[in-house]
């Protein structure tokens, strides 16, 4: 098992200092998509045009593996 960190970026940064032990990169991706859905749901009406929200997944050496980004803009 390897340790993965899930860092949230929205109106400042929230670095994951503990991480989570998971089987592999694919499992980390599945956890990231689940987590992104849950966290974005909690933004609930506070997300405005011009805002950006992201979730970065890194490995135990803090090397980036995945980046999920959501941005809003008025057209």
C-alpha atoms as a PDB file:
ATOM      1  CA  UNK A   1       0.000   0.000   0.000  1.00  0.00           C
ATOM      2  CA  UNK A   2       1.158   3.507  -0.803  1.00  0.00           C
ATOM      3  CA  UNK A   3       0.220   6.842   0.750  1.00  0.00           C
ATOM      4  CA  UNK A   4      -1.618   9.408  -1.371  1.00  0.00           C
ATOM      5  CA  UNK A   5      -2.399  13.027  -0.528  1.00  0.00           C
ATOM      6  CA  UNK A   6      -5.505  14.937  -1.662  1.00  0.00           C
ATOM      7  CA  UNK A   7      -4.904  18.703  -1.720  1.00  0.00           C
ATOM      8  CA  UNK A   8      -7.885  21.011  -2.185  1.00  0.00           C
ATOM      9  CA  UNK A   9      -7.488  24.441  -3.776  1.00  0.00           C
ATOM     10  CA  UNK A  10     -10.423  26.847  -3.430  1.00  0.00           C
ATOM     11  CA  UNK A  11     -10.150  30.366  -2.042  1.00  0.00           C
ATOM     12  CA  UNK A  12      -6.799  29.478  -0.568  1.00  0.00           C
ATOM     13  CA  UNK A  13      -5.153  26.114  -0.186  1.00  0.00           C
ATOM     14  CA  UNK A  14      -5.899  23.178   2.021  1.00  0.00           C
ATOM     15  CA  UNK A  15      -2.978  20.760   1.988  1.00  0.00           C
ATOM     16  CA  UNK A  16      -3.552  17.195   3.082  1.00  0.00           C
ATOM     17  CA  UNK A  17      -0.998  16.597   5.820  1.00  0.00           C
ATOM     18  CA  UNK A  18      -2.071  13.031   6.680  1.00  0.00           C
ATOM     19  CA  UNK A  19      -2.838  11.332   3.381  1.00  0.00           C
ATOM     20  CA  UNK A  20      -4.488   7.984   2.877  1.00  0.00           C
ATOM     21  CA  UNK A  21      -3.047   4.528   2.281  1.00  0.00           C
ATOM     22  CA  UNK A  22      -4.451   3.046  -0.915  1.00  0.00           C
ATOM     23  CA  UNK A  23      -3.633   0.050  -3.091  1.00  0.00           C
ATOM     24  CA  UNK A  24      -2.462   1.903  -6.230  1.00  0.00           C
ATOM     25  CA  UNK A  25      -2.791   4.962  -8.488  1.00  0.00           C
ATOM     26  CA  UNK A  26      -6.073   3.729  -9.959  1.00  0.00           C
ATOM     27  CA  UNK A  27      -7.616   3.440  -6.505  1.00  0.00           C
ATOM     28  CA  UNK A  28      -6.342   6.959  -5.706  1.00  0.00           C
ATOM     29  CA  UNK A  29      -8.082   8.244  -8.861  1.00  0.00           C
ATOM     30  CA  UNK A  30     -11.362   6.606  -7.864  1.00  0.00           C
ATOM     31  CA  UNK A  31     -11.091   8.119  -4.378  1.00  0.00           C
ATOM     32  CA  UNK A  32     -10.302  11.542  -5.891  1.00  0.00           C
ATOM     33  CA  UNK A  33     -13.410  11.511  -8.091  1.00  0.00           C
ATOM     34  CA  UNK A  34     -15.604  10.421  -5.182  1.00  0.00           C
ATOM     35  CA  UNK A  35     -14.066  13.055  -2.917  1.00  0.00           C
ATOM     36  CA  UNK A  36     -14.347  15.795  -5.568  1.00  0.00           C
ATOM     37  CA  UNK A  37     -18.056  15.127  -5.992  1.00  0.00           C
ATOM     38  CA  UNK A  38     -18.706  15.233  -2.254  1.00  0.00           C
ATOM     39  CA  UNK A  39     -16.621  18.354  -1.650  1.00  0.00           C
ATOM     40  CA  UNK A  40     -17.987  20.270  -4.616  1.00  0.00           C
ATOM     41  CA  UNK A  41     -21.511  19.449  -3.506  1.00  0.00           C
ATOM     42  CA  UNK A  42     -20.735  21.168  -0.174  1.00  0.00           C
ATOM     43  CA  UNK A  43     -19.869  24.435  -1.967  1.00  0.00           C
ATOM     44  CA  UNK A  44     -23.661  24.702  -2.448  1.00  0.00           C
ATOM     45  CA  UNK A  45     -24.372  28.032  -4.133  1.00  0.00           C
ATOM     46  CA  UNK A  46     -21.110  29.704  -3.099  1.00  0.00           C
ATOM     47  CA  UNK A  47     -19.344  28.965  -6.402  1.00  0.00           C
ATOM     48  CA  UNK A  48     -19.471  32.115  -8.547  1.00  0.00           C
ATOM     49  CA  UNK A  49     -18.312  33.039 -12.072  1.00  0.00           C
ATOM     50  CA  UNK A  50     -14.571  33.604 -11.940  1.00  0.00           C
ATOM     51  CA  UNK A  51     -14.069  31.013  -9.199  1.00  0.00           C
ATOM     52  CA  UNK A  52     -11.905  27.960  -9.585  1.00  0.00           C
ATOM     53  CA  UNK A  53     -11.857  24.800  -7.479  1.00  0.00           C
ATOM     54  CA  UNK A  54      -9.381  21.955  -7.791  1.00  0.00           C
ATOM     55  CA  UNK A  55      -8.254  18.729  -6.193  1.00  0.00           C
ATOM     56  CA  UNK A  56      -4.665  17.607  -6.630  1.00  0.00           C
ATOM     57  CA  UNK A  57      -3.613  14.034  -5.909  1.00  0.00           C
ATOM     58  CA  UNK A  58       0.034  13.413  -5.089  1.00  0.00           C
ATOM     59  CA  UNK A  59       1.991  10.298  -4.229  1.00  0.00           C
ATOM     60  CA  UNK A  60       3.914   9.742  -0.993  1.00  0.00           C
ATOM     61  CA  UNK A  61       6.845  11.776  -2.354  1.00  0.00           C
ATOM     62  CA  UNK A  62       4.393  14.638  -3.115  1.00  0.00           C
ATOM     63  CA  UNK A  63       4.783  14.113  -6.860  1.00  0.00           C
ATOM     64  CA  UNK A  64       1.568  15.181  -8.650  1.00  0.00           C
ATOM     65  CA  UNK A  65      -0.444  12.351 -10.193  1.00  0.00           C
ATOM     66  CA  UNK A  66      -3.885  13.780 -10.975  1.00  0.00           C
ATOM     67  CA  UNK A  67      -5.519  17.191 -11.047  1.00  0.00           C
ATOM     68  CA  UNK A  68      -9.271  17.747 -11.168  1.00  0.00           C
ATOM     69  CA  UNK A  69     -10.220  21.347 -11.947  1.00  0.00           C
ATOM     70  CA  UNK A  70     -13.614  23.049 -12.034  1.00  0.00           C
ATOM     71  CA  UNK A  71     -13.895  26.661 -13.134  1.00  0.00           C
ATOM     72  CA  UNK A  72     -16.823  28.956 -13.756  1.00  0.00           C
ATOM     73  CA  UNK A  73     -17.077  31.846 -16.137  1.00  0.00           C
ATOM     74  CA  UNK A  74     -19.803  34.009 -17.470  1.00  0.00           C
ATOM     75  CA  UNK A  75     -20.002  34.117 -21.258  1.00  0.00           C
END
